[in-house]
Amino acid sequence: MLDILLDSLIDSVKLIPFLFLTYLLMEILEHRAGGAASDRIRTAGKFGPLLGGLLGVIPQCGFSAAASSLFAGRVITIGTLLAVYLSTSDEMLPIMISSAVPLNTMAKILVMKAGIGILTGFFIDFFYTNIMKKQKLDVDVHTLCEKEHCHCERGIMKSALMHTVKIFVYILLISLILNTVIGLIGEDTLAGIFSGIPVVGEIIAALVGLIPNCASSVVITQLYLNQIISAGAMMAGLLVNAGVGLLVLLRLNRDRKQTAGIIALLYSAGVLWGILIEIMGLTF
């Protein structure tokens, strides 16, 4: 139990710099951004999926958390958010490096994840904007601030720090619960679930990947390296694995129906891309 507590604490502490810098940026936007700045952000948002897909491959859980916070403040689009989620690597890269996986193999996986994130993100933004006419990108950091009751009038630095502390505590508690559950079930049991299940393996892998914790990406990567799951199942699980980003989204986004829809889109995209990779016989 002590090991689980320490692991949860260490994983959560790693996120603090990302969370603080994100909230500091949002506080600056809240206090200083005028109409012209909002217009520039809106224009830049059209290319958000490209930037989000490229940044997401950096092996840190913090980028997905930052993207969730920015989306809750309506600074980025749904497509940009999904691009970050789908391309996020979390612990995959460090594990593969430590396992001496060839560089070209890691590069193929990262490029594939980034490409899928970018393509899916642009498609989602196009669908919402041109077909559903629902995409609205109005910077709303003030609403996020009110939800957190952070008393922003006390100063940018203090408000950003209060946001960071509250989200850190939330993530730590949830991570502790999830790590305990994973510890009780065991990785061997999880491996047995995937054995002998073609096609359906992508569906199950994506469900595991949805666990909002970096530990799930560790399990999926190890299962793939041990040749227990296929490339399609591995990609399905890692594509939906947005780390703690989903926790932050659940905590901060006021529109619960929208949040459920985003999670459903993420899961569907991961499963469909995983099955497509499996059907095409792609390997890494």
Protein backbone atom coordinates (compact mmCIF):
# COMPACT_ATOMS: atom_id res chain seq x y z
CA MET A 1 0.00 0.00 0.00
CA LEU A 2 2.90 2.33 0.76
CA ASP A 3 4.35 1.70 -2.72
CA ILE A 4 0.98 2.51 -4.31
CA LEU A 5 0.76 5.72 -2.30
CA LEU A 6 4.29 6.76 -3.27
CA ASP A 7 3.74 5.95 -6.97
CA SER A 8 0.49 7.93 -7.01
CA LEU A 9 2.15 10.86 -5.27
CA ILE A 10 5.17 10.88 -7.60
CA ASP A 11 3.00 10.64 -10.74
CA SER A 12 0.80 13.49 -9.51
CA VAL A 13 3.70 15.73 -8.46
CA LYS A 14 5.15 15.48 -11.98
CA LEU A 15 2.07 17.29 -13.29
CA ILE A 16 2.41 20.37 -11.07
CA PRO A 17 4.66 22.41 -13.44
CA PHE A 18 2.34 21.75 -16.40
CA LEU A 19 -0.76 22.61 -14.40
CA PHE A 20 0.72 25.78 -12.93
CA LEU A 21 2.01 27.10 -16.27
CA THR A 22 -1.34 26.35 -17.90
CA TYR A 23 -3.33 28.19 -15.25
CA LEU A 24 -0.85 31.05 -15.25
CA LEU A 25 -1.40 31.42 -19.01
CA MET A 26 -5.16 31.33 -18.53
CA GLU A 27 -4.99 33.94 -15.78
CA ILE A 28 -3.00 36.21 -18.08
CA LEU A 29 -5.66 35.74 -20.76
CA GLU A 30 -8.37 36.49 -18.21
CA HIS A 31 -6.76 39.73 -17.05
CA ARG A 32 -5.20 41.06 -20.23
CA ALA A 33 -6.76 39.55 -23.35
CA GLY A 34 -9.10 41.92 -25.14
CA GLY A 35 -11.24 41.50 -28.24
CA ALA A 36 -8.26 41.56 -30.61
CA ALA A 37 -6.45 38.84 -28.65
CA SER A 38 -9.58 36.69 -28.63
CA ASP A 39 -9.85 37.04 -32.40
CA ARG A 40 -6.24 35.92 -32.83
CA ILE A 41 -6.82 32.90 -30.61
CA ARG A 42 -9.92 32.03 -32.60
CA THR A 43 -8.01 32.23 -35.88
CA ALA A 44 -5.11 30.19 -34.52
CA GLY A 45 -7.62 27.60 -33.32
CA LYS A 46 -8.28 26.55 -36.92
CA PHE A 47 -4.78 25.06 -36.97
CA GLY A 48 -5.00 23.84 -33.39
CA PRO A 49 -5.25 20.12 -34.27
CA LEU A 50 -1.91 20.32 -36.08
CA LEU A 51 -0.13 21.87 -33.10
CA GLY A 52 -1.98 19.66 -30.62
CA GLY A 53 -1.10 16.48 -32.51
CA LEU A 54 2.57 17.42 -32.66
CA LEU A 55 2.86 18.47 -29.01
CA GLY A 56 0.92 15.47 -27.77
CA VAL A 57 3.63 12.98 -28.71
CA ILE A 58 5.96 14.46 -26.07
CA PRO A 59 6.03 11.77 -23.35
CA GLN A 60 4.41 13.65 -20.47
CA CYS A 61 0.93 13.27 -18.96
CA GLY A 62 0.85 17.03 -18.38
CA PHE A 63 0.03 18.04 -21.95
CA SER A 64 -3.33 16.31 -21.92
CA ALA A 65 -4.13 17.92 -18.57
CA ALA A 66 -3.13 21.31 -19.96
CA ALA A 67 -5.28 20.78 -23.08
CA SER A 68 -8.28 19.86 -20.91
CA SER A 69 -7.88 23.01 -18.87
CA LEU A 70 -7.59 25.15 -22.00
CA PHE A 71 -10.68 23.51 -23.50
CA ALA A 72 -12.66 24.10 -20.29
CA GLY A 73 -11.75 27.77 -20.69
CA ARG A 74 -12.84 27.61 -24.35
CA VAL A 75 -9.37 28.57 -25.56
CA ILE A 76 -9.01 25.56 -27.89
CA THR A 77 -11.46 23.59 -30.02
CA ILE A 78 -12.81 20.08 -29.53
CA GLY A 79 -10.73 18.95 -32.50
CA THR A 80 -7.57 20.33 -30.91
CA LEU A 81 -8.41 18.63 -27.63
CA LEU A 82 -8.93 15.26 -29.33
CA ALA A 83 -5.74 15.72 -31.37
CA VAL A 84 -3.79 16.06 -28.11
CA TYR A 85 -5.59 13.13 -26.50
CA LEU A 86 -5.01 10.78 -29.46
CA SER A 87 -1.33 11.65 -29.89
CA THR A 88 -0.41 11.71 -26.19
CA SER A 89 2.35 9.21 -25.44
CA ASP A 90 2.47 9.26 -21.63
CA GLU A 91 4.84 6.51 -20.44
CA MET A 92 5.01 4.61 -23.72
CA LEU A 93 8.24 6.16 -24.97
CA PRO A 94 10.30 5.81 -21.77
CA ILE A 95 9.30 2.14 -21.49
CA MET A 96 10.23 1.41 -25.09
CA ILE A 97 13.55 3.19 -24.71
CA SER A 98 14.35 1.21 -21.57
CA SER A 99 13.39 -1.99 -23.40
CA ALA A 100 15.81 -1.19 -26.24
CA VAL A 101 13.07 -0.97 -28.85
CA PRO A 102 14.59 0.14 -32.21
CA LEU A 103 14.42 3.87 -32.87
CA ASN A 104 12.63 3.40 -36.18
CA THR A 105 9.91 1.39 -34.42
CA MET A 106 9.34 4.12 -31.85
CA ALA A 107 9.38 6.75 -34.59
CA LYS A 108 6.73 4.88 -36.59
CA ILE A 109 4.43 4.65 -33.58
CA LEU A 110 4.86 8.32 -32.66
CA VAL A 111 4.33 9.48 -36.24
CA MET A 112 1.26 7.26 -36.54
CA LYS A 113 -0.23 8.62 -33.30
CA ALA A 114 0.48 12.22 -34.27
CA GLY A 115 -0.92 11.72 -37.76
CA ILE A 116 -4.08 10.07 -36.45
CA GLY A 117 -4.52 12.83 -33.89
CA ILE A 118 -4.11 15.60 -36.48
CA LEU A 119 -6.41 14.00 -39.07
CA THR A 120 -9.10 13.18 -36.52
CA GLY A 121 -8.86 16.62 -34.94
CA PHE A 122 -9.29 18.46 -38.25
CA PHE A 123 -12.18 16.17 -39.20
CA ILE A 124 -13.97 16.78 -35.89
CA ASP A 125 -13.52 20.55 -36.14
CA PHE A 126 -14.76 20.51 -39.75
CA PHE A 127 -17.78 18.39 -38.79
CA TYR A 128 -18.72 20.59 -35.84
CA THR A 129 -18.16 23.87 -37.70
CA ASN A 130 -19.55 23.17 -41.16
CA ILE A 131 -22.12 20.44 -40.59
CA MET A 132 -23.42 20.70 -37.02
CA LYS A 133 -22.74 24.45 -36.78
CA LYS A 134 -21.93 23.96 -33.11
CA GLN A 135 -18.27 24.87 -32.86
CA LYS A 136 -18.00 28.06 -30.85
CA LEU A 137 -14.63 29.17 -29.59
CA ASP A 138 -15.29 32.03 -27.19
CA VAL A 139 -12.58 32.41 -24.59
CA ASP A 140 -14.30 31.83 -21.26
CA VAL A 141 -11.53 31.64 -18.69
CA HIS A 142 -13.63 33.71 -16.29
CA THR A 143 -16.27 30.97 -16.11
CA LEU A 144 -13.58 28.42 -15.22
CA CYS A 145 -12.30 30.80 -12.57
CA GLU A 146 -15.79 31.17 -11.07
CA LYS A 147 -16.24 27.37 -11.00
CA GLU A 148 -13.06 26.96 -9.00
CA HIS A 149 -13.95 29.85 -6.61
CA CYS A 150 -10.35 30.99 -6.75
CA HIS A 151 -10.92 34.70 -6.03
CA CYS A 152 -8.97 35.82 -9.08
CA GLU A 153 -8.96 39.40 -7.91
CA ARG A 154 -6.18 38.43 -5.49
CA GLY A 155 -3.62 38.30 -8.28
CA ILE A 156 -2.58 36.23 -11.26
CA MET A 157 0.12 34.18 -9.51
CA LYS A 158 -1.98 33.37 -6.45
CA SER A 159 -5.03 32.45 -8.50
CA ALA A 160 -2.96 30.16 -10.76
CA LEU A 161 -1.45 28.53 -7.69
CA MET A 162 -4.88 27.93 -6.13
CA HIS A 163 -6.13 26.34 -9.35
CA THR A 164 -3.06 24.10 -9.44
CA VAL A 165 -3.40 22.95 -5.83
CA LYS A 166 -7.07 22.06 -6.21
CA ILE A 167 -6.55 20.03 -9.39
CA PHE A 168 -3.43 18.37 -7.95
CA VAL A 169 -5.36 17.11 -4.91
CA TYR A 170 -8.15 15.84 -7.17
CA ILE A 171 -5.75 13.99 -9.45
CA LEU A 172 -3.82 12.51 -6.52
CA LEU A 173 -6.95 11.05 -4.90
CA ILE A 174 -8.25 9.53 -8.13
CA SER A 175 -4.81 8.19 -9.09
CA LEU A 176 -4.48 6.52 -5.70
CA ILE A 177 -7.81 4.75 -6.17
CA LEU A 178 -6.97 3.64 -9.72
CA ASN A 179 -3.49 2.40 -8.81
CA THR A 180 -4.99 0.39 -5.94
CA VAL A 181 -7.50 -1.25 -8.28
CA ILE A 182 -4.78 -2.07 -10.83
CA GLY A 183 -2.60 -3.47 -8.06
CA LEU A 184 -5.40 -5.75 -6.84
CA ILE A 185 -6.31 -7.05 -10.30
CA GLY A 186 -2.72 -7.54 -11.44
CA GLU A 187 -1.13 -7.14 -14.85
CA ASP A 188 -1.17 -10.91 -15.49
CA THR A 189 -4.96 -10.95 -15.19
CA LEU A 190 -5.21 -8.06 -17.60
CA ALA A 191 -2.95 -9.90 -20.05
CA GLY A 192 -5.23 -12.94 -19.92
CA ILE A 193 -8.19 -10.82 -21.01
CA PHE A 194 -6.50 -10.04 -24.33
CA SER A 195 -5.32 -13.56 -25.13
CA GLY A 196 -7.09 -15.27 -28.03
CA ILE A 197 -9.40 -12.35 -28.80
CA PRO A 198 -8.86 -10.97 -32.33
CA VAL A 199 -10.87 -7.83 -33.37
CA VAL A 200 -12.50 -7.61 -29.95
CA GLY A 201 -9.00 -7.08 -28.58
CA GLU A 202 -9.08 -3.50 -29.87
CA ILE A 203 -12.33 -2.85 -28.03
CA ILE A 204 -10.96 -4.19 -24.76
CA ALA A 205 -7.60 -2.47 -25.18
CA ALA A 206 -9.37 0.85 -25.72
CA LEU A 207 -11.38 0.30 -22.53
CA VAL A 208 -8.16 -0.23 -20.60
CA GLY A 209 -6.64 2.81 -22.28
CA LEU A 210 -9.55 4.95 -21.13
CA ILE A 211 -8.42 4.50 -17.53
CA PRO A 212 -7.37 8.10 -16.77
CA ASN A 213 -3.94 7.30 -15.45
CA CYS A 214 -0.44 6.95 -16.92
CA ALA A 215 -0.34 3.41 -15.52
CA SER A 216 -2.73 2.17 -18.20
CA SER A 217 -0.31 3.20 -20.97
CA VAL A 218 2.41 1.32 -19.11
CA VAL A 219 0.30 -1.86 -19.04
CA ILE A 220 -0.65 -1.62 -22.72
CA THR A 221 2.93 -0.95 -23.83
CA GLN A 222 4.28 -3.85 -21.80
CA LEU A 223 1.61 -6.19 -23.14
CA TYR A 224 2.59 -5.26 -26.69
CA LEU A 225 6.31 -5.65 -26.02
CA ASN A 226 5.59 -9.07 -24.54
CA GLN A 227 3.65 -9.94 -27.74
CA ILE A 228 0.44 -10.50 -25.82
CA ILE A 229 -1.58 -7.99 -27.84
CA SER A 230 -1.39 -7.03 -31.52
CA ALA A 231 -0.31 -3.72 -33.05
CA GLY A 232 -3.95 -2.78 -33.66
CA ALA A 233 -4.92 -3.43 -30.04
CA MET A 234 -1.84 -1.58 -28.82
CA MET A 235 -2.66 1.47 -30.92
CA ALA A 236 -6.32 1.41 -29.91
CA GLY A 237 -5.34 1.41 -26.25
CA LEU A 238 -2.65 4.07 -26.55
CA LEU A 239 -4.73 6.34 -28.78
CA VAL A 240 -7.50 6.70 -26.21
CA ASN A 241 -5.06 6.92 -23.33
CA ALA A 242 -5.23 10.63 -22.56
CA GLY A 243 -3.69 10.15 -19.12
CA VAL A 244 -5.06 12.44 -16.43
CA GLY A 245 -6.42 14.76 -19.11
CA LEU A 246 -9.80 13.05 -18.81
CA LEU A 247 -9.83 13.62 -15.05
CA VAL A 248 -9.21 17.32 -15.54
CA LEU A 249 -11.89 17.48 -18.24
CA LEU A 250 -14.42 15.79 -15.97
CA ARG A 251 -13.54 18.16 -13.17
CA LEU A 252 -13.55 21.46 -15.07
CA ASN A 253 -15.88 21.23 -18.06
CA ARG A 254 -19.33 22.42 -17.03
CA ASP A 255 -21.17 20.72 -19.88
CA ARG A 256 -21.41 17.10 -18.70
CA LYS A 257 -23.21 15.99 -21.86
CA GLN A 258 -20.43 17.49 -23.96
CA THR A 259 -17.80 15.77 -21.82
CA ALA A 260 -19.52 12.40 -22.28
CA GLY A 261 -19.64 13.04 -26.03
CA ILE A 262 -15.91 13.85 -26.14
CA ILE A 263 -15.06 10.64 -24.29
CA ALA A 264 -17.31 8.66 -26.65
CA LEU A 265 -15.62 10.26 -29.67
CA LEU A 266 -12.19 9.49 -28.25
CA TYR A 267 -13.07 5.87 -27.60
CA SER A 268 -14.73 5.38 -31.00
CA ALA A 269 -11.78 6.93 -32.82
CA GLY A 270 -9.29 4.73 -30.96
CA VAL A 271 -11.22 1.53 -31.67
CA LEU A 272 -11.83 2.35 -35.34
CA TRP A 273 -8.20 3.30 -36.00
CA GLY A 274 -7.02 0.20 -34.12
CA ILE A 275 -9.24 -2.11 -36.17
CA LEU A 276 -8.15 -0.38 -39.39
CA ILE A 277 -4.47 -0.85 -38.47
CA GLU A 278 -5.15 -4.52 -37.73
CA ILE A 279 -7.06 -5.08 -41.00
CA MET A 280 -4.27 -3.43 -43.01
CA GLY A 281 -1.74 -5.66 -41.26
CA LEU A 282 0.46 -2.76 -40.19
CA THR A 283 3.31 -3.57 -37.82
CA PHE A 284 5.83 -1.48 -35.96
